[in-house]
PDB file of N, CA and C in Angstrom:
ATOM      1  N   UNK A   1       0.721  -1.072   0.116  1.00  0.00           N
ATOM      2  CA  UNK A   1       0.075   0.119  -0.153  1.00  0.00           C
ATOM      3  C   UNK A   1       0.727   1.178  -0.030  1.00  0.00           C
ATOM      4  N   UNK A   2       0.616   2.240  -0.702  1.00  0.00           N
ATOM      5  CA  UNK A   2       1.291   3.263  -1.071  1.00  0.00           C
ATOM      6  C   UNK A   2       0.856   4.362  -0.074  1.00  0.00           C
ATOM      7  N   UNK A   3      -0.376   4.738   0.323  1.00  0.00           N
ATOM      8  CA  UNK A   3      -0.910   5.614   1.412  1.00  0.00           C
ATOM      9  C   UNK A   3      -1.480   5.094   2.121  1.00  0.00           C
ATOM     10  N   UNK A   4      -1.384   5.338   3.700  1.00  0.00           N
ATOM     11  CA  UNK A   4      -1.863   5.006   4.700  1.00  0.00           C
ATOM     12  C   UNK A   4      -3.438   5.154   4.763  1.00  0.00           C
ATOM     13  N   UNK A   5      -4.239   4.179   5.161  1.00  0.00           N
ATOM     14  CA  UNK A   5      -5.330   3.907   4.779  1.00  0.00           C
ATOM     15  C   UNK A   5      -6.103   4.198   6.365  1.00  0.00           C
ATOM     16  N   UNK A   6      -7.284   4.593   6.396  1.00  0.00           N
ATOM     17  CA  UNK A   6      -7.884   4.870   7.938  1.00  0.00           C
ATOM     18  C   UNK A   6      -9.048   3.698   8.208  1.00  0.00           C
ATOM     19  N   UNK A   7      -9.686   3.287   6.803  1.00  0.00           N
ATOM     20  CA  UNK A   7     -10.747   2.513   6.769  1.00  0.00           C
ATOM     21  C   UNK A   7     -11.930   3.043   7.091  1.00  0.00           C
ATOM     22  N   UNK A   8     -13.071   2.263   6.629  1.00  0.00           N
ATOM     23  CA  UNK A   8     -14.338   2.966   6.720  1.00  0.00           C
ATOM     24  C   UNK A   8     -14.912   1.582   7.646  1.00  0.00           C
ATOM     25  N   UNK A   9     -15.535   2.562   8.691  1.00  0.00           N
ATOM     26  CA  UNK A   9     -16.082   1.865   9.915  1.00  0.00           C
ATOM     27  C   UNK A   9     -17.566   1.941   9.544  1.00  0.00           C
ATOM     28  N   UNK A  10     -18.198   0.749   9.767  1.00  0.00           N
ATOM     29  CA  UNK A  10     -19.768   0.669   9.496  1.00  0.00           C
ATOM     30  C   UNK A  10     -20.387  -0.441  10.744  1.00  0.00           C
ATOM     31  N   UNK A  11     -21.567  -0.448  10.293  1.00  0.00           N
ATOM     32  CA  UNK A  11     -22.230  -1.511  11.617  1.00  0.00           C
ATOM     33  C   UNK A  11     -23.130  -2.284  10.561  1.00  0.00           C
ATOM     34  N   UNK A  12     -23.121  -3.663  10.535  1.00  0.00           N
ATOM     35  CA  UNK A  12     -24.143  -4.450   9.934  1.00  0.00           C
ATOM     36  C   UNK A  12     -24.215  -5.899  10.711  1.00  0.00           C
ATOM     37  N   UNK A  13     -25.164  -6.455  10.649  1.00  0.00           N
ATOM     38  CA  UNK A  13     -25.627  -7.814  11.064  1.00  0.00           C
ATOM     39  C   UNK A  13     -25.123  -7.734  12.695  1.00  0.00           C
ATOM     40  N   UNK A  14     -25.385  -6.994  13.268  1.00  0.00           N
ATOM     41  CA  UNK A  14     -24.946  -6.865  14.842  1.00  0.00           C
ATOM     42  C   UNK A  14     -23.646  -6.537  15.282  1.00  0.00           C
ATOM     43  N   UNK A  15     -22.917  -6.199  14.220  1.00  0.00           N
ATOM     44  CA  UNK A  15     -21.308  -6.201  14.684  1.00  0.00           C
ATOM     45  C   UNK A  15     -20.775  -4.807  13.968  1.00  0.00           C
ATOM     46  N   UNK A  16     -19.734  -4.527  14.320  1.00  0.00           N
ATOM     47  CA  UNK A  16     -18.763  -3.480  13.932  1.00  0.00           C
ATOM     48  C   UNK A  16     -17.941  -4.264  12.802  1.00  0.00           C
ATOM     49  N   UNK A  17     -17.590  -3.549  11.704  1.00  0.00           N
ATOM     50  CA  UNK A  17     -16.833  -3.722  10.904  1.00  0.00           C
ATOM     51  C   UNK A  17     -15.907  -2.741  10.339  1.00  0.00           C
ATOM     52  N   UNK A  18     -14.943  -3.093   9.637  1.00  0.00           N
ATOM     53  CA  UNK A  18     -13.931  -2.014   8.775  1.00  0.00           C
ATOM     54  C   UNK A  18     -13.696  -2.576   7.199  1.00  0.00           C
ATOM     55  N   UNK A  19     -13.923  -1.444   6.538  1.00  0.00           N
ATOM     56  CA  UNK A  19     -13.707  -1.516   5.061  1.00  0.00           C
ATOM     57  C   UNK A  19     -12.115  -1.128   4.489  1.00  0.00           C
ATOM     58  N   UNK A  20     -11.314  -1.812   3.850  1.00  0.00           N
ATOM     59  CA  UNK A  20     -10.379  -1.308   3.442  1.00  0.00           C
ATOM     60  C   UNK A  20      -9.745  -2.093   2.251  1.00  0.00           C
ATOM     61  N   UNK A  21      -8.698  -1.594   1.497  1.00  0.00           N
ATOM     62  CA  UNK A  21      -8.447  -2.056   0.372  1.00  0.00           C
ATOM     63  C   UNK A  21      -6.795  -2.701   0.567  1.00  0.00           C
ATOM     64  N   UNK A  22      -6.731  -3.866  -0.335  1.00  0.00           N
ATOM     65  CA  UNK A  22      -5.382  -4.240  -0.040  1.00  0.00           C
ATOM     66  C   UNK A  22      -4.822  -5.071  -1.712  1.00  0.00           C
ATOM     67  N   UNK A  23      -3.654  -5.176  -1.969  1.00  0.00           N
ATOM     68  CA  UNK A  23      -3.400  -5.788  -2.894  1.00  0.00           C
ATOM     69  C   UNK A  23      -3.040  -7.294  -2.773  1.00  0.00           C
ATOM     70  N   UNK A  24      -3.581  -8.016  -3.872  1.00  0.00           N
ATOM     71  CA  UNK A  24      -3.555  -9.525  -3.857  1.00  0.00           C
ATOM     72  C   UNK A  24      -2.766 -10.019  -5.273  1.00  0.00           C
ATOM     73  N   UNK A  25      -2.126 -10.552  -4.821  1.00  0.00           N
ATOM     74  CA  UNK A  25      -1.229 -11.577  -6.128  1.00  0.00           C
ATOM     75  C   UNK A  25      -2.224 -12.478  -6.768  1.00  0.00           C
ATOM     76  N   UNK A  26      -2.301 -12.234  -8.271  1.00  0.00           N
ATOM     77  CA  UNK A  26      -2.904 -12.902  -9.031  1.00  0.00           C
ATOM     78  C   UNK A  26      -1.885 -14.129  -9.825  1.00  0.00           C
ATOM     79  N   UNK A  27      -2.533 -15.230 -10.138  1.00  0.00           N
ATOM     80  CA  UNK A  27      -1.986 -16.192 -10.648  1.00  0.00           C
ATOM     81  C   UNK A  27      -1.465 -16.007 -12.033  1.00  0.00           C
ATOM     82  N   UNK A  28      -1.541 -14.739 -12.681  1.00  0.00           N
ATOM     83  CA  UNK A  28      -0.985 -14.330 -13.920  1.00  0.00           C
ATOM     84  C   UNK A  28       0.229 -13.476 -13.750  1.00  0.00           C
ATOM     85  N   UNK A  29       0.549 -13.521 -12.347  1.00  0.00           N
ATOM     86  CA  UNK A  29       1.816 -12.218 -12.104  1.00  0.00           C
ATOM     87  C   UNK A  29       1.315 -11.060 -11.869  1.00  0.00           C
ATOM     88  N   UNK A  30       0.311 -10.496 -11.897  1.00  0.00           N
ATOM     89  CA  UNK A  30       0.014  -8.917 -11.922  1.00  0.00           C
ATOM     90  C   UNK A  30      -0.762  -9.209 -10.110  1.00  0.00           C
ATOM     91  N   UNK A  31      -0.879  -7.955  -9.692  1.00  0.00           N
ATOM     92  CA  UNK A  31      -1.579  -7.323  -8.479  1.00  0.00           C
ATOM     93  C   UNK A  31      -2.894  -6.682  -8.934  1.00  0.00           C
ATOM     94  N   UNK A  32      -3.891  -7.169  -7.941  1.00  0.00           N
ATOM     95  CA  UNK A  32      -5.129  -6.561  -8.313  1.00  0.00           C
ATOM     96  C   UNK A  32      -5.492  -6.021  -6.846  1.00  0.00           C
ATOM     97  N   UNK A  33      -5.882  -4.985  -6.853  1.00  0.00           N
ATOM     98  CA  UNK A  33      -6.598  -4.118  -5.508  1.00  0.00           C
ATOM     99  C   UNK A  33      -7.878  -4.618  -5.391  1.00  0.00           C
ATOM    100  N   UNK A  34      -8.189  -5.181  -4.201  1.00  0.00           N
ATOM    101  CA  UNK A  34      -9.976  -5.655  -3.827  1.00  0.00           C
ATOM    102  C   UNK A  34      -9.871  -5.125  -2.459  1.00  0.00           C
ATOM    103  N   UNK A  35     -11.238  -4.928  -2.183  1.00  0.00           N
ATOM    104  CA  UNK A  35     -11.912  -4.179  -1.088  1.00  0.00           C
ATOM    105  C   UNK A  35     -11.974  -5.549  -0.195  1.00  0.00           C
ATOM    106  N   UNK A  36     -11.685  -5.364   1.034  1.00  0.00           N
ATOM    107  CA  UNK A  36     -11.793  -6.253   2.219  1.00  0.00           C
ATOM    108  C   UNK A  36     -12.415  -5.613   3.232  1.00  0.00           C
ATOM    109  N   UNK A  37     -13.513  -6.375   3.809  1.00  0.00           N
ATOM    110  CA  UNK A  37     -14.263  -6.226   5.265  1.00  0.00           C
ATOM    111  C   UNK A  37     -13.951  -6.982   6.040  1.00  0.00           C
ATOM    112  N   UNK A  38     -13.361  -6.869   7.296  1.00  0.00           N
ATOM    113  CA  UNK A  38     -13.125  -7.432   8.515  1.00  0.00           C
ATOM    114  C   UNK A  38     -14.168  -6.846   9.589  1.00  0.00           C
ATOM    115  N   UNK A  39     -14.304  -7.914  10.255  1.00  0.00           N
ATOM    116  CA  UNK A  39     -15.390  -7.702  11.558  1.00  0.00           C
ATOM    117  C   UNK A  39     -14.280  -7.441  12.464  1.00  0.00           C
ATOM    118  N   UNK A  40     -14.670  -6.238  13.619  1.00  0.00           N
ATOM    119  CA  UNK A  40     -14.183  -6.010  14.394  1.00  0.00           C
ATOM    120  C   UNK A  40     -14.526  -6.273  15.621  1.00  0.00           C
ATOM    121  N   UNK A  41     -15.852  -6.396  16.135  1.00  0.00           N
ATOM    122  CA  UNK A  41     -16.357  -6.931  17.320  1.00  0.00           C
ATOM    123  C   UNK A  41     -18.247  -6.325  17.144  1.00  0.00           C
ATOM    124  N   UNK A  42     -18.626  -7.392  18.091  1.00  0.00           N
ATOM    125  CA  UNK A  42     -19.993  -7.086  17.975  1.00  0.00           C
ATOM    126  C   UNK A  42     -20.557  -5.800  18.650  1.00  0.00           C
ATOM    127  N   UNK A  43     -21.607  -5.515  18.536  1.00  0.00           N
ATOM    128  CA  UNK A  43     -21.997  -4.357  19.030  1.00  0.00           C
ATOM    129  C   UNK A  43     -22.139  -4.183  20.342  1.00  0.00           C
ATOM    130  N   UNK A  44     -22.617  -5.782  21.013  1.00  0.00           N
ATOM    131  CA  UNK A  44     -22.628  -5.636  22.484  1.00  0.00           C
ATOM    132  C   UNK A  44     -20.890  -5.253  23.162  1.00  0.00           C
ATOM    133  N   UNK A  45     -19.941  -5.855  22.620  1.00  0.00           N
ATOM    134  CA  UNK A  45     -18.708  -5.572  22.730  1.00  0.00           C
ATOM    135  C   UNK A  45     -18.583  -3.955  22.812  1.00  0.00           C
ATOM    136  N   UNK A  46     -18.919  -3.594  21.782  1.00  0.00           N
ATOM    137  CA  UNK A  46     -18.284  -2.040  21.256  1.00  0.00           C
ATOM    138  C   UNK A  46     -19.912  -1.331  21.662  1.00  0.00           C
ATOM    139  N   UNK A  47     -19.973  -0.711  22.367  1.00  0.00           N
ATOM    140  CA  UNK A  47     -21.507  -0.127  22.262  1.00  0.00           C
ATOM    141  C   UNK A  47     -21.336   1.446  21.519  1.00  0.00           C
ATOM    142  N   UNK A  48     -20.455   1.882  21.449  1.00  0.00           N
ATOM    143  CA  UNK A  48     -19.923   3.024  20.788  1.00  0.00           C
ATOM    144  C   UNK A  48     -19.334   3.100  19.661  1.00  0.00           C
ATOM    145  N   UNK A  49     -19.499   3.987  18.697  1.00  0.00           N
ATOM    146  CA  UNK A  49     -18.871   3.836  17.528  1.00  0.00           C
ATOM    147  C   UNK A  49     -17.216   4.123  17.749  1.00  0.00           C
ATOM    148  N   UNK A  50     -17.049   5.309  18.893  1.00  0.00           N
ATOM    149  CA  UNK A  50     -15.625   5.550  19.011  1.00  0.00           C
ATOM    150  C   UNK A  50     -14.888   4.385  19.687  1.00  0.00           C
ATOM    151  N   UNK A  51     -15.405   3.418  20.218  1.00  0.00           N
ATOM    152  CA  UNK A  51     -14.741   2.098  20.738  1.00  0.00           C
ATOM    153  C   UNK A  51     -14.339   1.511  19.473  1.00  0.00           C
ATOM    154  N   UNK A  52     -15.531   1.130  18.450  1.00  0.00           N
ATOM    155  CA  UNK A  52     -15.213   0.590  17.533  1.00  0.00           C
ATOM    156  C   UNK A  52     -14.076   0.933  16.641  1.00  0.00           C
ATOM    157  N   UNK A  53     -14.021   2.488  16.476  1.00  0.00           N
ATOM    158  CA  UNK A  53     -12.748   3.240  15.766  1.00  0.00           C
ATOM    159  C   UNK A  53     -11.654   3.011  16.508  1.00  0.00           C
ATOM    160  N   UNK A  54     -11.614   2.629  17.929  1.00  0.00           N
ATOM    161  CA  UNK A  54     -10.094   2.758  18.450  1.00  0.00           C
ATOM    162  C   UNK A  54      -9.531   0.954  17.938  1.00  0.00           C
ATOM    163  N   UNK A  55     -10.461   0.307  17.861  1.00  0.00           N
ATOM    164  CA  UNK A  55     -10.090  -1.359  17.303  1.00  0.00           C
ATOM    165  C   UNK A  55      -9.816  -1.138  16.009  1.00  0.00           C
ATOM    166  N   UNK A  56     -10.813  -0.576  15.230  1.00  0.00           N
ATOM    167  CA  UNK A  56     -10.364  -0.440  13.779  1.00  0.00           C
ATOM    168  C   UNK A  56      -8.822   0.567  13.703  1.00  0.00           C
ATOM    169  N   UNK A  57      -8.713   1.325  14.208  1.00  0.00           N
ATOM    170  CA  UNK A  57      -7.349   2.222  14.269  1.00  0.00           C
ATOM    171  C   UNK A  57      -6.078   1.209  14.461  1.00  0.00           C
ATOM    172  N   UNK A  58      -6.353   0.263  15.426  1.00  0.00           N
ATOM    173  CA  UNK A  58      -5.216  -0.838  15.722  1.00  0.00           C
ATOM    174  C   UNK A  58      -5.127  -1.728  14.701  1.00  0.00           C
ATOM    175  N   UNK A  59      -6.233  -2.100  13.956  1.00  0.00           N
ATOM    176  CA  UNK A  59      -6.043  -3.032  12.884  1.00  0.00           C
ATOM    177  C   UNK A  59      -5.529  -2.331  11.482  1.00  0.00           C
ATOM    178  N   UNK A  60      -6.053  -1.115  11.320  1.00  0.00           N
ATOM    179  CA  UNK A  60      -5.510  -0.314  10.246  1.00  0.00           C
ATOM    180  C   UNK A  60      -3.966  -0.188  10.468  1.00  0.00           C
ATOM    181  N   UNK A  61      -3.533   0.158  11.653  1.00  0.00           N
ATOM    182  CA  UNK A  61      -2.070   0.245  12.100  1.00  0.00           C
ATOM    183  C   UNK A  61      -1.419  -0.649  11.678  1.00  0.00           C
ATOM    184  N   UNK A  62      -1.811  -1.687  11.872  1.00  0.00           N
ATOM    185  CA  UNK A  62      -0.829  -3.058  11.542  1.00  0.00           C
ATOM    186  C   UNK A  62      -0.889  -3.393  10.015  1.00  0.00           C
ATOM    187  N   UNK A  63      -1.838  -3.136   9.338  1.00  0.00           N
ATOM    188  CA  UNK A  63      -1.838  -3.276   7.990  1.00  0.00           C
ATOM    189  C   UNK A  63      -1.191  -2.076   7.135  1.00  0.00           C
ATOM    190  N   UNK A  64      -1.532  -1.024   7.633  1.00  0.00           N
ATOM    191  CA  UNK A  64      -0.392   0.035   7.191  1.00  0.00           C
ATOM    192  C   UNK A  64       0.763   0.124   7.121  1.00  0.00           C
ATOM    193  N   UNK A  65       1.226  -0.572   8.333  1.00  0.00           N
ATOM    194  CA  UNK A  65       2.800  -0.959   8.654  1.00  0.00           C
ATOM    195  C   UNK A  65       3.301  -2.260   8.044  1.00  0.00           C
ATOM    196  N   UNK A  66       2.378  -2.840   7.452  1.00  0.00           N
ATOM    197  CA  UNK A  66       2.774  -4.293   7.036  1.00  0.00           C
ATOM    198  C   UNK A  66       4.027  -4.423   6.088  1.00  0.00           C
ATOM    199  N   UNK A  67       5.453  -4.884   6.411  1.00  0.00           N
ATOM    200  CA  UNK A  67       6.335  -4.973   5.779  1.00  0.00           C
ATOM    201  C   UNK A  67       6.268  -5.783   4.110  1.00  0.00           C
ATOM    202  N   UNK A  68       5.378  -6.669   4.193  1.00  0.00           N
ATOM    203  CA  UNK A  68       5.209  -7.650   3.083  1.00  0.00           C
ATOM    204  C   UNK A  68       4.353  -6.823   2.036  1.00  0.00           C
ATOM    205  N   UNK A  69       4.657  -7.352   0.617  1.00  0.00           N
ATOM    206  CA  UNK A  69       3.931  -7.035  -0.377  1.00  0.00           C
ATOM    207  C   UNK A  69       2.890  -7.797  -1.134  1.00  0.00           C
ATOM    208  N   UNK A  70       2.301  -7.889  -1.750  1.00  0.00           N
ATOM    209  CA  UNK A  70       1.409  -9.039  -2.361  1.00  0.00           C
ATOM    210  C   UNK A  70       2.271  -9.850  -3.000  1.00  0.00           C
ATOM    211  N   UNK A  71       3.723  -9.357  -3.673  1.00  0.00           N
ATOM    212  CA  UNK A  71       4.487 -10.273  -4.181  1.00  0.00           C
ATOM    213  C   UNK A  71       4.997 -11.219  -3.163  1.00  0.00           C
ATOM    214  N   UNK A  72       4.931 -10.912  -2.009  1.00  0.00           N
ATOM    215  CA  UNK A  72       5.699 -11.943  -1.183  1.00  0.00           C
ATOM    216  C   UNK A  72       4.819 -13.306  -0.876  1.00  0.00           C
ATOM    217  N   UNK A  73       3.578 -13.458  -1.415  1.00  0.00           N
ATOM    218  CA  UNK A  73       2.982 -14.903  -1.661  1.00  0.00           C
ATOM    219  C   UNK A  73       3.047 -15.691  -2.860  1.00  0.00           C
ATOM    220  N   UNK A  74       3.654 -14.732  -3.648  1.00  0.00           N
ATOM    221  CA  UNK A  74       4.054 -15.472  -4.999  1.00  0.00           C
ATOM    222  C   UNK A  74       5.060 -16.669  -4.724  1.00  0.00           C
ATOM    223  N   UNK A  75       4.869 -17.725  -5.534  1.00  0.00           N
ATOM    224  CA  UNK A  75       5.670 -18.835  -5.374  1.00  0.00           C
ATOM    225  C   UNK A  75       7.064 -18.668  -6.012  1.00  0.00           C
ATOM    226  N   UNK A  76       7.875 -19.272  -5.265  1.00  0.00           N
ATOM    227  CA  UNK A  76       9.527 -19.144  -5.659  1.00  0.00           C
ATOM    228  C   UNK A  76       9.713 -19.470  -7.029  1.00  0.00           C
ATOM    229  N   UNK A  77       9.123 -20.448  -7.506  1.00  0.00           N
ATOM    230  CA  UNK A  77       9.562 -20.874  -8.896  1.00  0.00           C
ATOM    231  C   UNK A  77       8.965 -19.764  -9.840  1.00  0.00           C
ATOM    232  N   UNK A  78       7.915 -19.123  -9.769  1.00  0.00           N
ATOM    233  CA  UNK A  78       7.294 -17.902 -10.497  1.00  0.00           C
ATOM    234  C   UNK A  78       8.019 -16.778 -10.182  1.00  0.00           C
ATOM    235  N   UNK A  79       8.595 -16.540  -8.917  1.00  0.00           N
ATOM    236  CA  UNK A  79       9.374 -15.447  -8.650  1.00  0.00           C
ATOM    237  C   UNK A  79      10.717 -15.561  -9.459  1.00  0.00           C
ATOM    238  N   UNK A  80      11.494 -16.520  -9.359  1.00  0.00           N
ATOM    239  CA  UNK A  80      12.884 -16.578  -9.970  1.00  0.00           C
ATOM    240  C   UNK A  80      12.575 -16.713 -11.352  1.00  0.00           C
ATOM    241  N   UNK A  81      11.653 -17.477 -12.083  1.00  0.00           N
ATOM    242  CA  UNK A  81      11.532 -17.486 -13.478  1.00  0.00           C
ATOM    243  C   UNK A  81      10.922 -16.567 -14.132  1.00  0.00           C
ATOM    244  N   UNK A  82      10.239 -15.699 -13.591  1.00  0.00           N
ATOM    245  CA  UNK A  82       9.674 -14.572 -14.169  1.00  0.00           C
ATOM    246  C   UNK A  82       9.719 -13.115 -13.505  1.00  0.00           C
ATOM    247  N   UNK A  83      10.793 -13.032 -12.483  1.00  0.00           N
ATOM    248  CA  UNK A  83      11.276 -11.602 -12.139  1.00  0.00           C
ATOM    249  C   UNK A  83      12.585 -11.781 -12.094  1.00  0.00           C
ATOM    250  N   UNK A  84      13.480 -12.438 -11.290  1.00  0.00           N
ATOM    251  CA  UNK A  84      14.693 -12.467 -10.803  1.00  0.00           C
ATOM    252  C   UNK A  84      15.590 -13.007 -12.121  1.00  0.00           C
ATOM    253  N   UNK A  85      15.347 -13.729 -12.873  1.00  0.00           N
ATOM    254  CA  UNK A  85      16.003 -14.313 -13.949  1.00  0.00           C
ATOM    255  C   UNK A  85      16.129 -13.392 -15.075  1.00  0.00           C
ATOM    256  N   UNK A  86      14.989 -12.794 -15.362  1.00  0.00           N
ATOM    257  CA  UNK A  86      15.140 -11.839 -16.332  1.00  0.00           C
ATOM    258  C   UNK A  86      15.613 -10.439 -15.855  1.00  0.00           C
ATOM    259  N   UNK A  87      15.608 -10.201 -14.825  1.00  0.00           N
ATOM    260  CA  UNK A  87      16.449  -8.905 -14.181  1.00  0.00           C
ATOM    261  C   UNK A  87      17.778  -9.224 -14.730  1.00  0.00           C
ATOM    262  N   UNK A  88      18.307 -10.577 -14.145  1.00  0.00           N
ATOM    263  CA  UNK A  88      19.951 -10.994 -14.157  1.00  0.00           C
ATOM    264  C   UNK A  88      20.305 -10.843 -15.448  1.00  0.00           C
ATOM    265  N   UNK A  89      19.122 -11.373 -16.557  1.00  0.00           N
ATOM    266  CA  UNK A  89      19.688 -11.200 -18.125  1.00  0.00           C
ATOM    267  C   UNK A  89      19.841  -9.763 -18.239  1.00  0.00           C
ATOM    268  N   UNK A  90      18.945  -9.045 -18.059  1.00  0.00           N
ATOM    269  CA  UNK A  90      19.288  -7.502 -18.513  1.00  0.00           C
ATOM    270  C   UNK A  90      20.343  -7.081 -17.637  1.00  0.00           C
ATOM    271  N   UNK A  91      20.624  -7.113 -16.546  1.00  0.00           N
ATOM    272  CA  UNK A  91      21.764  -6.141 -15.794  1.00  0.00           C
ATOM    273  C   UNK A  91      23.129  -7.020 -15.543  1.00  0.00           C
ATOM    274  N   UNK A  92      23.157  -8.267 -15.898  1.00  0.00           N
ATOM    275  CA  UNK A  92      24.397  -8.904 -15.558  1.00  0.00           C
ATOM    276  C   UNK A  92      24.948  -9.520 -17.176  1.00  0.00           C
ATOM    277  N   UNK A  93      26.102  -9.681 -17.232  1.00  0.00           N
ATOM    278  CA  UNK A  93      26.747 -10.280 -18.528  1.00  0.00           C
ATOM    279  C   UNK A  93      26.093 -11.691 -18.610  1.00  0.00           C
ATOM    280  N   UNK A  94      26.228 -11.984 -20.082  1.00  0.00           N
ATOM    281  CA  UNK A  94      25.645 -13.123 -20.480  1.00  0.00           C
ATOM    282  C   UNK A  94      26.282 -14.612 -19.735  1.00  0.00           C
ATOM    283  N   UNK A  95      27.462 -15.014 -19.506  1.00  0.00           N
ATOM    284  CA  UNK A  95      27.993 -15.913 -18.828  1.00  0.00           C
ATOM    285  C   UNK A  95      27.310 -15.865 -17.622  1.00  0.00           C
ATOM    286  N   UNK A  96      27.275 -14.569 -17.036  1.00  0.00           N
ATOM    287  CA  UNK A  96      26.564 -14.808 -15.427  1.00  0.00           C
ATOM    288  C   UNK A  96      24.985 -15.418 -15.558  1.00  0.00           C
ATOM    289  N   UNK A  97      24.476 -14.858 -16.327  1.00  0.00           N
ATOM    290  CA  UNK A  97      23.011 -15.142 -16.335  1.00  0.00           C
ATOM    291  C   UNK A  97      22.889 -16.610 -16.640  1.00  0.00           C
ATOM    292  N   UNK A  98      23.978 -17.342 -17.595  1.00  0.00           N
ATOM    293  CA  UNK A  98      23.748 -18.385 -18.017  1.00  0.00           C
ATOM    294  C   UNK A  98      24.213 -19.608 -16.924  1.00  0.00           C
ATOM    295  N   UNK A  99      25.212 -19.097 -15.884  1.00  0.00           N
ATOM    296  CA  UNK A  99      25.542 -19.716 -14.680  1.00  0.00           C
ATOM    297  C   UNK A  99      24.335 -19.729 -13.856  1.00  0.00           C
ATOM    298  N   UNK A 100      23.651 -18.515 -13.585  1.00  0.00           N
ATOM    299  CA  UNK A 100      22.631 -18.653 -12.559  1.00  0.00           C
ATOM    300  C   UNK A 100      21.372 -19.294 -13.092  1.00  0.00           C
ATOM    301  N   UNK A 101      21.172 -19.426 -14.235  1.00  0.00           N
ATOM    302  CA  UNK A 101      20.041 -20.175 -14.925  1.00  0.00           C
ATOM    303  C   UNK A 101      20.235 -21.624 -14.735  1.00  0.00           C
ATOM    304  N   UNK A 102      21.453 -22.116 -15.219  1.00  0.00           N
ATOM    305  CA  UNK A 102      21.921 -23.401 -15.002  1.00  0.00           C
ATOM    306  C   UNK A 102      21.807 -24.063 -13.623  1.00  0.00           C
ATOM    307  N   UNK A 103      22.113 -22.828 -12.732  1.00  0.00           N
ATOM    308  CA  UNK A 103      22.466 -23.483 -11.334  1.00  0.00           C
ATOM    309  C   UNK A 103      20.642 -23.752 -10.752  1.00  0.00           C
ATOM    310  N   UNK A 104      20.056 -22.446 -11.331  1.00  0.00           N
ATOM    311  CA  UNK A 104      18.693 -22.705 -10.913  1.00  0.00           C
ATOM    312  C   UNK A 104      17.900 -23.702 -11.550  1.00  0.00           C
ATOM    313  N   UNK A 105      18.259 -24.378 -12.939  1.00  0.00           N
ATOM    314  CA  UNK A 105      17.269 -25.570 -13.461  1.00  0.00           C
ATOM    315  C   UNK A 105      18.069 -26.804 -12.828  1.00  0.00           C
ATOM    316  N   UNK A 106      19.228 -26.924 -12.567  1.00  0.00           N
ATOM    317  CA  UNK A 106      19.699 -28.183 -12.633  1.00  0.00           C
ATOM    318  C   UNK A 106      19.636 -28.530 -11.023  1.00  0.00           C
ATOM    319  N   UNK A 107      19.995 -27.356 -10.267  1.00  0.00           N
ATOM    320  CA  UNK A 107      20.240 -27.718  -8.858  1.00  0.00           C
ATOM    321  C   UNK A 107      19.041 -27.264  -7.800  1.00  0.00           C
ATOM    322  N   UNK A 108      18.578 -26.033  -8.172  1.00  0.00           N
ATOM    323  CA  UNK A 108      17.596 -25.872  -7.264  1.00  0.00           C
ATOM    324  C   UNK A 108      15.942 -25.992  -7.293  1.00  0.00           C
ATOM    325  N   UNK A 109      15.619 -25.814  -8.741  1.00  0.00           N
ATOM    326  CA  UNK A 109      14.198 -25.955  -9.301  1.00  0.00           C
ATOM    327  C   UNK A 109      13.577 -27.390  -8.852  1.00  0.00           C
ATOM    328  N   UNK A 110      14.232 -28.430  -8.926  1.00  0.00           N
ATOM    329  CA  UNK A 110      13.652 -29.654  -8.881  1.00  0.00           C
ATOM    330  C   UNK A 110      13.120 -29.981  -7.477  1.00  0.00           C
ATOM    331  N   UNK A 111      13.995 -29.061  -6.253  1.00  0.00           N
ATOM    332  CA  UNK A 111      13.478 -29.222  -5.276  1.00  0.00           C
ATOM    333  C   UNK A 111      12.505 -28.339  -4.583  1.00  0.00           C
ATOM    334  N   UNK A 112      12.084 -27.471  -5.586  1.00  0.00           N
ATOM    335  CA  UNK A 112      11.271 -26.572  -5.514  1.00  0.00           C
ATOM    336  C   UNK A 112       9.875 -26.442  -6.374  1.00  0.00           C
ATOM    337  N   UNK A 113       9.938 -27.491  -7.005  1.00  0.00           N
ATOM    338  CA  UNK A 113       8.857 -27.548  -8.083  1.00  0.00           C
ATOM    339  C   UNK A 113       7.334 -27.848  -7.277  1.00  0.00           C
ATOM    340  N   UNK A 114       7.297 -28.619  -6.704  1.00  0.00           N
ATOM    341  CA  UNK A 114       6.086 -28.929  -5.764  1.00  0.00           C
ATOM    342  C   UNK A 114       5.469 -27.814  -4.844  1.00  0.00           C
ATOM    343  N   UNK A 115       6.228 -27.052  -4.562  1.00  0.00           N
ATOM    344  CA  UNK A 115       5.846 -25.945  -3.673  1.00  0.00           C
ATOM    345  C   UNK A 115       5.030 -24.878  -4.413  1.00  0.00           C
ATOM    346  N   UNK A 116       3.832 -24.708  -4.550  1.00  0.00           N
ATOM    347  CA  UNK A 116       3.074 -23.771  -4.991  1.00  0.00           C
ATOM    348  C   UNK A 116       2.440 -24.010  -6.504  1.00  0.00           C
TER     349      UNK A 116
END
C-alpha cells in the first residue's frame, strides 16, 4: 500500500466492521487491488462507535505498517523465472546469466517445483 488507510467503519449484522483495500497477487503475475471487510467486534462488545474506531485504528495500523507486499505470496518458482532471472539477464553479463540459470534449473528448481 502506498498511502496509509484509515478504513471505513460501519455497523452491520449486529457487529462493527472496517472496510479497506489491499493488493492481492494473481496467478498471472499481476496484482489486483481488492476491497476487504473485516469484522471488529459485536455491538454488545463495543457499544459506541468511538470504541469500535479505536479497534479499527489498531487493525489499520498493522495493515498500514505491514512490510510484506502482495508479491511475498508469490511461489518461489514463479518469482525466480518471471522476475529474478529476467532481471539478471538484463543487468549482468551473458555468462553470469547462463550460470545462474543453469544452477536454478539443475540444482534448485527440482527441489522447489512441488511448492506452489
